[in-house]
Protein backbone atom coordinates (compact mmCIF):
# COMPACT_ATOMS: atom_id res chain seq x y z
CA UNK A 1 0.00 0.00 0.00
CA UNK A 2 2.84 2.35 0.94
CA UNK A 3 4.63 1.54 -2.33
CA UNK A 4 1.58 2.45 -4.38
CA UNK A 5 1.19 5.65 -2.35
CA UNK A 6 4.72 6.72 -3.31
CA UNK A 7 4.15 5.81 -6.99
CA UNK A 8 0.98 7.88 -7.30
CA UNK A 9 2.67 11.32 -7.52
CA UNK A 10 5.06 10.03 -10.19
CA UNK A 11 2.15 8.64 -12.20
CA UNK A 12 0.23 11.91 -11.94
CA UNK A 13 3.33 13.88 -12.99
CA UNK A 14 3.83 11.58 -16.00
CA UNK A 15 0.22 11.99 -17.07
CA UNK A 16 0.41 15.78 -16.75
CA UNK A 17 3.64 15.86 -18.77
CA UNK A 18 2.06 13.66 -21.45
CA UNK A 19 -1.00 15.91 -21.69
CA UNK A 20 1.17 19.03 -21.88
CA UNK A 21 3.26 17.47 -24.65
CA UNK A 22 0.13 16.44 -26.58
CA UNK A 23 -1.28 19.98 -26.32
CA UNK A 24 2.02 21.43 -27.52
CA UNK A 25 2.07 19.08 -30.51
CA UNK A 26 -1.52 20.00 -31.36
CA UNK A 27 -0.68 23.71 -31.24
CA UNK A 28 2.38 23.25 -33.47
CA UNK A 29 0.36 21.17 -35.92
CA UNK A 30 -2.34 23.83 -36.04
CA UNK A 31 0.26 26.52 -36.72
CA UNK A 32 1.84 24.40 -39.47
CA UNK A 33 -1.58 23.83 -41.06
CA UNK A 34 -2.41 27.53 -40.97
CA UNK A 35 0.98 28.44 -42.45
CA UNK A 36 0.59 25.88 -45.24
CA UNK A 37 -2.94 27.06 -46.04
CA UNK A 38 -1.73 30.66 -46.18
CA UNK A 39 1.05 29.81 -48.64
CA UNK A 40 -1.35 27.65 -50.68
CA UNK A 41 -3.85 30.50 -50.94
CA UNK A 42 -1.14 32.82 -52.31
CA UNK A 43 -0.17 30.16 -54.88
CA UNK A 44 -3.83 29.59 -55.76
CA UNK A 45 -4.40 33.27 -56.45
CA UNK A 46 -1.29 33.50 -58.63
CA UNK A 47 -2.27 30.34 -60.53
CA UNK A 48 -5.72 31.73 -61.29
CA UNK A 49 -4.17 34.84 -62.81
CA UNK A 50 -1.62 32.74 -64.71
CA UNK A 51 -4.19 30.38 -66.21
CA UNK A 52 -6.06 33.24 -67.83
CA UNK A 53 -2.92 34.03 -69.85
CA UNK A 54 -2.19 30.46 -71.03
CA UNK A 55 -4.28 30.44 -74.20
CA UNK A 56 -3.26 27.53 -76.46
CA UNK A 57 -0.57 26.57 -73.95
CA UNK A 58 -3.22 25.54 -71.38
CA UNK A 59 -2.18 21.91 -71.01
CA UNK A 60 -3.82 21.09 -67.68
CA UNK A 61 -6.34 22.60 -65.30
CA UNK A 62 -4.43 24.67 -62.75
CA UNK A 63 -5.29 23.49 -59.25
CA UNK A 64 -3.82 23.96 -55.76
CA UNK A 65 -4.63 21.85 -52.70
CA UNK A 66 -3.15 20.94 -49.32
CA UNK A 67 -2.67 17.41 -48.00
CA UNK A 68 -1.03 15.76 -45.02
CA UNK A 69 1.14 12.67 -45.27
CA UNK A 70 1.09 9.69 -42.91
CA UNK A 71 4.23 11.17 -41.32
CA UNK A 72 2.41 14.41 -40.56
CA UNK A 73 4.12 16.50 -43.26
CA UNK A 74 2.06 19.24 -44.88
CA UNK A 75 2.23 19.12 -48.69
CA UNK A 76 1.08 21.78 -51.15
CA UNK A 77 0.05 20.09 -54.38
CA UNK A 78 -0.20 22.17 -57.54
CA UNK A 79 -0.94 21.22 -61.13
CA UNK A 80 0.07 23.56 -63.93
CA UNK A 81 2.56 24.16 -66.72
CA UNK A 82 6.35 23.96 -66.46
CA UNK A 83 8.99 25.47 -68.73
CA UNK A 84 12.78 25.61 -68.46
CA UNK A 85 15.53 28.21 -68.34
CA UNK A 86 19.25 27.80 -68.65
CA UNK A 87 22.14 29.08 -70.71
CA UNK A 88 21.16 32.76 -70.89
CA UNK A 89 20.99 32.93 -67.07
CA UNK A 90 24.09 30.83 -66.32
CA UNK A 91 26.09 32.38 -63.47
CA UNK A 92 23.58 35.11 -62.70
CA UNK A 93 22.38 35.66 -59.14
CA UNK A 94 19.17 33.89 -58.17
CA UNK A 95 16.58 35.30 -55.76
CA UNK A 96 18.19 33.60 -52.75
CA UNK A 97 21.67 34.91 -53.60
CA UNK A 98 23.12 31.79 -55.23
CA UNK A 99 24.73 31.72 -58.65
CA UNK A 100 22.43 30.00 -61.13
CA UNK A 101 23.80 26.71 -62.46
CA UNK A 102 21.68 25.21 -65.24
CA UNK A 103 22.88 21.69 -64.37
CA UNK A 104 21.69 21.81 -60.75
CA UNK A 105 18.26 20.47 -59.81
CA UNK A 106 16.63 23.79 -58.96
CA UNK A 107 13.57 25.75 -60.00
CA UNK A 108 12.00 29.19 -60.04
CA UNK A 109 8.51 29.59 -58.58
CA UNK A 110 6.52 32.82 -58.16
CA UNK A 111 5.42 32.33 -54.53
CA UNK A 112 6.75 29.20 -52.82
CA UNK A 113 9.20 30.13 -50.02
CA UNK A 114 12.79 30.08 -51.21
CA UNK A 115 14.51 26.89 -50.09
CA UNK A 116 11.34 24.81 -50.40
CA UNK A 117 11.90 21.28 -51.65
CA UNK A 118 9.46 20.00 -54.23
CA UNK A 119 8.82 16.91 -56.30
CA UNK A 120 7.84 17.78 -59.88
CA UNK A 121 6.16 15.13 -62.04
CA UNK A 122 5.64 15.36 -65.80
CA UNK A 123 2.00 14.35 -66.24
CA UNK A 124 2.67 13.28 -69.83
CA UNK A 125 5.23 10.58 -69.08
CA UNK A 126 5.12 10.09 -65.29
CA UNK A 127 8.78 11.03 -64.79
CA UNK A 128 9.65 12.90 -61.58
CA UNK A 129 12.51 15.00 -60.21
CA UNK A 130 13.21 16.53 -56.80
CA UNK A 131 14.12 20.21 -56.95
CA UNK A 132 14.85 23.08 -54.59
CA UNK A 133 13.21 26.46 -55.13
CA UNK A 134 16.01 29.03 -55.28
CA UNK A 135 14.67 31.61 -57.72
CA UNK A 136 11.60 33.64 -58.71
CA UNK A 137 9.74 33.19 -61.95
CA UNK A 138 8.58 32.22 -64.52
CA UNK A 139 8.06 35.63 -66.06
CA UNK A 140 6.55 34.32 -69.29
CA UNK A 141 2.77 34.52 -69.05
CA UNK A 142 0.92 31.32 -68.28
CA UNK A 143 3.79 29.40 -66.66
CA UNK A 144 3.65 28.03 -63.11
CA UNK A 145 7.23 26.84 -62.56
CA UNK A 146 10.53 27.26 -64.37
CA UNK A 147 12.95 24.35 -64.12
CA UNK A 148 16.70 24.46 -64.56
CA UNK A 149 17.78 22.66 -67.70
CA UNK A 150 19.18 19.87 -65.53
CA UNK A 151 15.80 19.30 -63.87
CA UNK A 152 13.85 19.73 -67.12
CA UNK A 153 16.01 17.09 -68.77
CA UNK A 154 15.04 14.59 -66.07
CA UNK A 155 11.42 15.11 -67.09
CA UNK A 156 12.11 15.09 -70.84
CA UNK A 157 11.09 18.73 -71.12
CA UNK A 158 13.33 20.01 -73.88
CA UNK A 159 13.74 23.27 -75.79
CA UNK A 160 11.84 21.66 -78.64
CA UNK A 161 8.83 20.57 -76.58
CA UNK A 162 8.91 23.86 -74.66
CA UNK A 163 6.48 23.18 -71.84
CA UNK A 164 4.74 20.28 -70.12
CA UNK A 165 1.83 19.74 -67.73
CA UNK A 166 3.20 18.96 -64.29
CA UNK A 167 2.25 18.20 -60.71
CA UNK A 168 4.26 20.02 -58.03
CA UNK A 169 4.35 18.56 -54.51
CA UNK A 170 6.03 21.06 -52.20
CA UNK A 171 7.01 20.32 -48.60
CA UNK A 172 7.36 23.41 -46.43
CA UNK A 173 10.20 23.36 -43.91
CA UNK A 174 9.24 23.93 -40.27
CA UNK A 175 11.31 27.12 -40.14
CA UNK A 176 9.72 28.65 -43.21
CA UNK A 177 7.46 31.65 -42.85
CA UNK A 178 4.32 32.17 -44.93
CA UNK A 179 5.78 35.20 -46.67
CA UNK A 180 6.29 34.74 -50.40
CA UNK A 181 8.58 37.64 -51.11
CA UNK A 182 12.03 37.49 -52.62
CA UNK A 183 14.70 39.62 -54.21
CA UNK A 184 15.24 40.01 -57.92
CA UNK A 185 15.99 36.72 -59.63
CA UNK A 186 18.39 35.63 -62.32
CA UNK A 187 15.55 35.43 -64.79
CA UNK A 188 14.08 38.78 -63.77
CA UNK A 189 17.34 40.57 -64.56
CA UNK A 190 16.74 40.00 -68.24
CA UNK A 191 12.93 39.99 -68.05
CA UNK A 192 13.06 36.21 -68.59
CA UNK A 193 11.78 36.17 -72.18
CA UNK A 194 10.99 32.45 -72.19
CA UNK A 195 9.32 32.72 -75.58
CA UNK A 196 12.62 31.72 -77.18
CA UNK A 197 12.37 28.39 -75.36
CA UNK A 198 8.74 27.63 -76.02
CA UNK A 199 7.57 25.88 -79.14
CA UNK A 200 3.93 26.23 -80.21
CA UNK A 201 1.76 23.61 -78.60
CA UNK A 202 -1.92 22.73 -78.80
CA UNK A 203 -4.09 21.56 -75.95
CA UNK A 204 -4.84 17.87 -76.10
C-alpha atoms as a PDB file:
ATOM      1  CA  UNK A   1       0.000   0.000   0.000  1.00  0.00           C
ATOM      2  CA  UNK A   2       2.839   2.352   0.936  1.00  0.00           C
ATOM      3  CA  UNK A   3       4.626   1.541  -2.331  1.00  0.00           C
ATOM      4  CA  UNK A   4       1.579   2.449  -4.379  1.00  0.00           C
ATOM      5  CA  UNK A   5       1.191   5.647  -2.347  1.00  0.00           C
ATOM      6  CA  UNK A   6       4.725   6.723  -3.313  1.00  0.00           C
ATOM      7  CA  UNK A   7       4.148   5.812  -6.986  1.00  0.00           C
ATOM      8  CA  UNK A   8       0.982   7.876  -7.304  1.00  0.00           C
ATOM      9  CA  UNK A   9       2.674  11.320  -7.519  1.00  0.00           C
ATOM     10  CA  UNK A  10       5.061  10.034 -10.191  1.00  0.00           C
ATOM     11  CA  UNK A  11       2.154   8.642 -12.201  1.00  0.00           C
ATOM     12  CA  UNK A  12       0.235  11.906 -11.943  1.00  0.00           C
ATOM     13  CA  UNK A  13       3.326  13.879 -12.991  1.00  0.00           C
ATOM     14  CA  UNK A  14       3.833  11.585 -16.001  1.00  0.00           C
ATOM     15  CA  UNK A  15       0.221  11.993 -17.066  1.00  0.00           C
ATOM     16  CA  UNK A  16       0.406  15.776 -16.749  1.00  0.00           C
ATOM     17  CA  UNK A  17       3.637  15.858 -18.773  1.00  0.00           C
ATOM     18  CA  UNK A  18       2.059  13.661 -21.452  1.00  0.00           C
ATOM     19  CA  UNK A  19      -0.995  15.910 -21.693  1.00  0.00           C
ATOM     20  CA  UNK A  20       1.171  19.030 -21.883  1.00  0.00           C
ATOM     21  CA  UNK A  21       3.261  17.468 -24.654  1.00  0.00           C
ATOM     22  CA  UNK A  22       0.131  16.440 -26.579  1.00  0.00           C
ATOM     23  CA  UNK A  23      -1.280  19.980 -26.324  1.00  0.00           C
ATOM     24  CA  UNK A  24       2.020  21.428 -27.517  1.00  0.00           C
ATOM     25  CA  UNK A  25       2.066  19.078 -30.513  1.00  0.00           C
ATOM     26  CA  UNK A  26      -1.524  19.997 -31.360  1.00  0.00           C
ATOM     27  CA  UNK A  27      -0.677  23.710 -31.238  1.00  0.00           C
ATOM     28  CA  UNK A  28       2.379  23.249 -33.469  1.00  0.00           C
ATOM     29  CA  UNK A  29       0.356  21.167 -35.924  1.00  0.00           C
ATOM     30  CA  UNK A  30      -2.338  23.831 -36.042  1.00  0.00           C
ATOM     31  CA  UNK A  31       0.264  26.520 -36.719  1.00  0.00           C
ATOM     32  CA  UNK A  32       1.842  24.399 -39.473  1.00  0.00           C
ATOM     33  CA  UNK A  33      -1.576  23.826 -41.062  1.00  0.00           C
ATOM     34  CA  UNK A  34      -2.407  27.531 -40.971  1.00  0.00           C
ATOM     35  CA  UNK A  35       0.977  28.436 -42.454  1.00  0.00           C
ATOM     36  CA  UNK A  36       0.587  25.877 -45.237  1.00  0.00           C
ATOM     37  CA  UNK A  37      -2.939  27.056 -46.038  1.00  0.00           C
ATOM     38  CA  UNK A  38      -1.729  30.661 -46.183  1.00  0.00           C
ATOM     39  CA  UNK A  39       1.054  29.807 -48.643  1.00  0.00           C
ATOM     40  CA  UNK A  40      -1.345  27.648 -50.679  1.00  0.00           C
ATOM     41  CA  UNK A  41      -3.847  30.504 -50.944  1.00  0.00           C
ATOM     42  CA  UNK A  42      -1.143  32.816 -52.313  1.00  0.00           C
ATOM     43  CA  UNK A  43      -0.171  30.161 -54.875  1.00  0.00           C
ATOM     44  CA  UNK A  44      -3.830  29.587 -55.763  1.00  0.00           C
ATOM     45  CA  UNK A  45      -4.402  33.275 -56.454  1.00  0.00           C
ATOM     46  CA  UNK A  46      -1.289  33.497 -58.633  1.00  0.00           C
ATOM     47  CA  UNK A  47      -2.266  30.335 -60.532  1.00  0.00           C
ATOM     48  CA  UNK A  48      -5.717  31.735 -61.292  1.00  0.00           C
ATOM     49  CA  UNK A  49      -4.168  34.841 -62.812  1.00  0.00           C
ATOM     50  CA  UNK A  50      -1.619  32.737 -64.712  1.00  0.00           C
ATOM     51  CA  UNK A  51      -4.186  30.376 -66.206  1.00  0.00           C
ATOM     52  CA  UNK A  52      -6.062  33.245 -67.833  1.00  0.00           C
ATOM     53  CA  UNK A  53      -2.915  34.025 -69.851  1.00  0.00           C
ATOM     54  CA  UNK A  54      -2.189  30.464 -71.034  1.00  0.00           C
ATOM     55  CA  UNK A  55      -4.275  30.435 -74.195  1.00  0.00           C
ATOM     56  CA  UNK A  56      -3.263  27.529 -76.463  1.00  0.00           C
ATOM     57  CA  UNK A  57      -0.568  26.572 -73.949  1.00  0.00           C
ATOM     58  CA  UNK A  58      -3.223  25.542 -71.381  1.00  0.00           C
ATOM     59  CA  UNK A  59      -2.183  21.905 -71.009  1.00  0.00           C
ATOM     60  CA  UNK A  60      -3.819  21.086 -67.676  1.00  0.00           C
ATOM     61  CA  UNK A  61      -6.345  22.597 -65.299  1.00  0.00           C
ATOM     62  CA  UNK A  62      -4.430  24.668 -62.748  1.00  0.00           C
ATOM     63  CA  UNK A  63      -5.292  23.492 -59.248  1.00  0.00           C
ATOM     64  CA  UNK A  64      -3.824  23.960 -55.763  1.00  0.00           C
ATOM     65  CA  UNK A  65      -4.627  21.846 -52.704  1.00  0.00           C
ATOM     66  CA  UNK A  66      -3.145  20.936 -49.318  1.00  0.00           C
ATOM     67  CA  UNK A  67      -2.674  17.410 -48.003  1.00  0.00           C
ATOM     68  CA  UNK A  68      -1.028  15.764 -45.018  1.00  0.00           C
ATOM     69  CA  UNK A  69       1.142  12.667 -45.271  1.00  0.00           C
ATOM     70  CA  UNK A  70       1.090   9.693 -42.911  1.00  0.00           C
ATOM     71  CA  UNK A  71       4.229  11.167 -41.318  1.00  0.00           C
ATOM     72  CA  UNK A  72       2.407  14.414 -40.565  1.00  0.00           C
ATOM     73  CA  UNK A  73       4.124  16.498 -43.260  1.00  0.00           C
ATOM     74  CA  UNK A  74       2.062  19.235 -44.880  1.00  0.00           C
ATOM     75  CA  UNK A  75       2.233  19.120 -48.686  1.00  0.00           C
ATOM     76  CA  UNK A  76       1.081  21.781 -51.146  1.00  0.00           C
ATOM     77  CA  UNK A  77       0.053  20.087 -54.379  1.00  0.00           C
ATOM     78  CA  UNK A  78      -0.201  22.172 -57.537  1.00  0.00           C
ATOM     79  CA  UNK A  79      -0.937  21.220 -61.128  1.00  0.00           C
ATOM     80  CA  UNK A  80       0.067  23.562 -63.929  1.00  0.00           C
ATOM     81  CA  UNK A  81       2.561  24.157 -66.716  1.00  0.00           C
ATOM     82  CA  UNK A  82       6.354  23.958 -66.463  1.00  0.00           C
ATOM     83  CA  UNK A  83       8.989  25.466 -68.730  1.00  0.00           C
ATOM     84  CA  UNK A  84      12.778  25.606 -68.455  1.00  0.00           C
ATOM     85  CA  UNK A  85      15.525  28.209 -68.340  1.00  0.00           C
ATOM     86  CA  UNK A  86      19.248  27.804 -68.649  1.00  0.00           C
ATOM     87  CA  UNK A  87      22.142  29.083 -70.705  1.00  0.00           C
ATOM     88  CA  UNK A  88      21.155  32.759 -70.894  1.00  0.00           C
ATOM     89  CA  UNK A  89      20.993  32.931 -67.067  1.00  0.00           C
ATOM     90  CA  UNK A  90      24.085  30.832 -66.320  1.00  0.00           C
ATOM     91  CA  UNK A  91      26.095  32.379 -63.474  1.00  0.00           C
ATOM     92  CA  UNK A  92      23.580  35.113 -62.701  1.00  0.00           C
ATOM     93  CA  UNK A  93      22.377  35.663 -59.144  1.00  0.00           C
ATOM     94  CA  UNK A  94      19.171  33.888 -58.166  1.00  0.00           C
ATOM     95  CA  UNK A  95      16.583  35.304 -55.764  1.00  0.00           C
ATOM     96  CA  UNK A  96      18.190  33.600 -52.754  1.00  0.00           C
ATOM     97  CA  UNK A  97      21.667  34.913 -53.597  1.00  0.00           C
ATOM     98  CA  UNK A  98      23.118  31.787 -55.229  1.00  0.00           C
ATOM     99  CA  UNK A  99      24.728  31.721 -58.651  1.00  0.00           C
ATOM    100  CA  UNK A 100      22.435  30.001 -61.126  1.00  0.00           C
ATOM    101  CA  UNK A 101      23.800  26.710 -62.460  1.00  0.00           C
ATOM    102  CA  UNK A 102      21.685  25.212 -65.236  1.00  0.00           C
ATOM    103  CA  UNK A 103      22.875  21.686 -64.370  1.00  0.00           C
ATOM    104  CA  UNK A 104      21.692  21.807 -60.746  1.00  0.00           C
ATOM    105  CA  UNK A 105      18.258  20.472 -59.810  1.00  0.00           C
ATOM    106  CA  UNK A 106      16.634  23.790 -58.956  1.00  0.00           C
ATOM    107  CA  UNK A 107      13.571  25.746 -59.996  1.00  0.00           C
ATOM    108  CA  UNK A 108      12.002  29.189 -60.037  1.00  0.00           C
ATOM    109  CA  UNK A 109       8.511  29.595 -58.577  1.00  0.00           C
ATOM    110  CA  UNK A 110       6.523  32.817 -58.156  1.00  0.00           C
ATOM    111  CA  UNK A 111       5.417  32.332 -54.532  1.00  0.00           C
ATOM    112  CA  UNK A 112       6.752  29.197 -52.824  1.00  0.00           C
ATOM    113  CA  UNK A 113       9.203  30.130 -50.022  1.00  0.00           C
ATOM    114  CA  UNK A 114      12.793  30.084 -51.207  1.00  0.00           C
ATOM    115  CA  UNK A 115      14.511  26.891 -50.090  1.00  0.00           C
ATOM    116  CA  UNK A 116      11.345  24.813 -50.401  1.00  0.00           C
ATOM    117  CA  UNK A 117      11.900  21.282 -51.647  1.00  0.00           C
ATOM    118  CA  UNK A 118       9.458  20.004 -54.229  1.00  0.00           C
ATOM    119  CA  UNK A 119       8.818  16.913 -56.298  1.00  0.00           C
ATOM    120  CA  UNK A 120       7.837  17.778 -59.878  1.00  0.00           C
ATOM    121  CA  UNK A 121       6.156  15.133 -62.036  1.00  0.00           C
ATOM    122  CA  UNK A 122       5.642  15.363 -65.800  1.00  0.00           C
ATOM    123  CA  UNK A 123       2.004  14.349 -66.242  1.00  0.00           C
ATOM    124  CA  UNK A 124       2.665  13.276 -69.835  1.00  0.00           C
ATOM    125  CA  UNK A 125       5.230  10.580 -69.077  1.00  0.00           C
ATOM    126  CA  UNK A 126       5.115  10.092 -65.295  1.00  0.00           C
ATOM    127  CA  UNK A 127       8.778  11.033 -64.793  1.00  0.00           C
ATOM    128  CA  UNK A 128       9.652  12.904 -61.580  1.00  0.00           C
ATOM    129  CA  UNK A 129      12.506  15.000 -60.212  1.00  0.00           C
ATOM    130  CA  UNK A 130      13.205  16.526 -56.796  1.00  0.00           C
ATOM    131  CA  UNK A 131      14.121  20.214 -56.954  1.00  0.00           C
ATOM    132  CA  UNK A 132      14.852  23.084 -54.595  1.00  0.00           C
ATOM    133  CA  UNK A 133      13.207  26.463 -55.130  1.00  0.00           C
ATOM    134  CA  UNK A 134      16.008  29.035 -55.275  1.00  0.00           C
ATOM    135  CA  UNK A 135      14.666  31.613 -57.719  1.00  0.00           C
ATOM    136  CA  UNK A 136      11.604  33.639 -58.706  1.00  0.00           C
ATOM    137  CA  UNK A 137       9.739  33.187 -61.953  1.00  0.00           C
ATOM    138  CA  UNK A 138       8.585  32.216 -64.515  1.00  0.00           C
ATOM    139  CA  UNK A 139       8.061  35.634 -66.064  1.00  0.00           C
ATOM    140  CA  UNK A 140       6.554  34.316 -69.292  1.00  0.00           C
ATOM    141  CA  UNK A 141       2.769  34.519 -69.047  1.00  0.00           C
ATOM    142  CA  UNK A 142       0.917  31.321 -68.279  1.00  0.00           C
ATOM    143  CA  UNK A 143       3.793  29.396 -66.663  1.00  0.00           C
ATOM    144  CA  UNK A 144       3.654  28.033 -63.115  1.00  0.00           C
ATOM    145  CA  UNK A 145       7.231  26.845 -62.556  1.00  0.00           C
ATOM    146  CA  UNK A 146      10.531  27.261 -64.374  1.00  0.00           C
ATOM    147  CA  UNK A 147      12.951  24.347 -64.116  1.00  0.00           C
ATOM    148  CA  UNK A 148      16.701  24.460 -64.559  1.00  0.00           C
ATOM    149  CA  UNK A 149      17.785  22.660 -67.704  1.00  0.00           C
ATOM    150  CA  UNK A 150      19.180  19.865 -65.526  1.00  0.00           C
ATOM    151  CA  UNK A 151      15.799  19.303 -63.867  1.00  0.00           C
ATOM    152  CA  UNK A 152      13.848  19.732 -67.121  1.00  0.00           C
ATOM    153  CA  UNK A 153      16.014  17.090 -68.772  1.00  0.00           C
ATOM    154  CA  UNK A 154      15.041  14.590 -66.067  1.00  0.00           C
ATOM    155  CA  UNK A 155      11.416  15.115 -67.089  1.00  0.00           C
ATOM    156  CA  UNK A 156      12.112  15.087 -70.838  1.00  0.00           C
ATOM    157  CA  UNK A 157      11.089  18.733 -71.117  1.00  0.00           C
ATOM    158  CA  UNK A 158      13.329  20.013 -73.884  1.00  0.00           C
ATOM    159  CA  UNK A 159      13.736  23.270 -75.789  1.00  0.00           C
ATOM    160  CA  UNK A 160      11.843  21.659 -78.639  1.00  0.00           C
ATOM    161  CA  UNK A 161       8.829  20.571 -76.580  1.00  0.00           C
ATOM    162  CA  UNK A 162       8.910  23.864 -74.661  1.00  0.00           C
ATOM    163  CA  UNK A 163       6.483  23.177 -71.838  1.00  0.00           C
ATOM    164  CA  UNK A 164       4.744  20.277 -70.122  1.00  0.00           C
ATOM    165  CA  UNK A 165       1.832  19.738 -67.732  1.00  0.00           C
ATOM    166  CA  UNK A 166       3.205  18.958 -64.286  1.00  0.00           C
ATOM    167  CA  UNK A 167       2.255  18.200 -60.707  1.00  0.00           C
ATOM    168  CA  UNK A 168       4.257  20.021 -58.026  1.00  0.00           C
ATOM    169  CA  UNK A 169       4.350  18.557 -54.512  1.00  0.00           C
ATOM    170  CA  UNK A 170       6.028  21.060 -52.195  1.00  0.00           C
ATOM    171  CA  UNK A 171       7.007  20.324 -48.600  1.00  0.00           C
ATOM    172  CA  UNK A 172       7.359  23.411 -46.426  1.00  0.00           C
ATOM    173  CA  UNK A 173      10.199  23.356 -43.908  1.00  0.00           C
ATOM    174  CA  UNK A 174       9.236  23.930 -40.267  1.00  0.00           C
ATOM    175  CA  UNK A 175      11.311  27.115 -40.136  1.00  0.00           C
ATOM    176  CA  UNK A 176       9.720  28.653 -43.214  1.00  0.00           C
ATOM    177  CA  UNK A 177       7.458  31.654 -42.850  1.00  0.00           C
ATOM    178  CA  UNK A 178       4.321  32.172 -44.928  1.00  0.00           C
ATOM    179  CA  UNK A 179       5.777  35.203 -46.675  1.00  0.00           C
ATOM    180  CA  UNK A 180       6.293  34.739 -50.399  1.00  0.00           C
ATOM    181  CA  UNK A 181       8.585  37.645 -51.112  1.00  0.00           C
ATOM    182  CA  UNK A 182      12.028  37.490 -52.624  1.00  0.00           C
ATOM    183  CA  UNK A 183      14.697  39.621 -54.210  1.00  0.00           C
ATOM    184  CA  UNK A 184      15.243  40.014 -57.925  1.00  0.00           C
ATOM    185  CA  UNK A 185      15.989  36.723 -59.627  1.00  0.00           C
ATOM    186  CA  UNK A 186      18.391  35.629 -62.320  1.00  0.00           C
ATOM    187  CA  UNK A 187      15.549  35.429 -64.792  1.00  0.00           C
ATOM    188  CA  UNK A 188      14.083  38.784 -63.768  1.00  0.00           C
ATOM    189  CA  UNK A 189      17.341  40.571 -64.556  1.00  0.00           C
ATOM    190  CA  UNK A 190      16.739  39.996 -68.241  1.00  0.00           C
ATOM    191  CA  UNK A 191      12.926  39.988 -68.049  1.00  0.00           C
ATOM    192  CA  UNK A 192      13.056  36.214 -68.593  1.00  0.00           C
ATOM    193  CA  UNK A 193      11.779  36.172 -72.182  1.00  0.00           C
ATOM    194  CA  UNK A 194      10.994  32.445 -72.191  1.00  0.00           C
ATOM    195  CA  UNK A 195       9.320  32.721 -75.577  1.00  0.00           C
ATOM    196  CA  UNK A 196      12.616  31.720 -77.177  1.00  0.00           C
ATOM    197  CA  UNK A 197      12.371  28.387 -75.362  1.00  0.00           C
ATOM    198  CA  UNK A 198       8.736  27.634 -76.018  1.00  0.00           C
ATOM    199  CA  UNK A 199       7.572  25.878 -79.139  1.00  0.00           C
ATOM    200  CA  UNK A 200       3.930  26.226 -80.206  1.00  0.00           C
ATOM    201  CA  UNK A 201       1.756  23.610 -78.600  1.00  0.00           C
ATOM    202  CA  UNK A 202      -1.920  22.735 -78.799  1.00  0.00           C
ATOM    203  CA  UNK A 203      -4.091  21.559 -75.948  1.00  0.00           C
ATOM    204  CA  UNK A 204      -4.843  17.866 -76.105  1.00  0.00           C
END
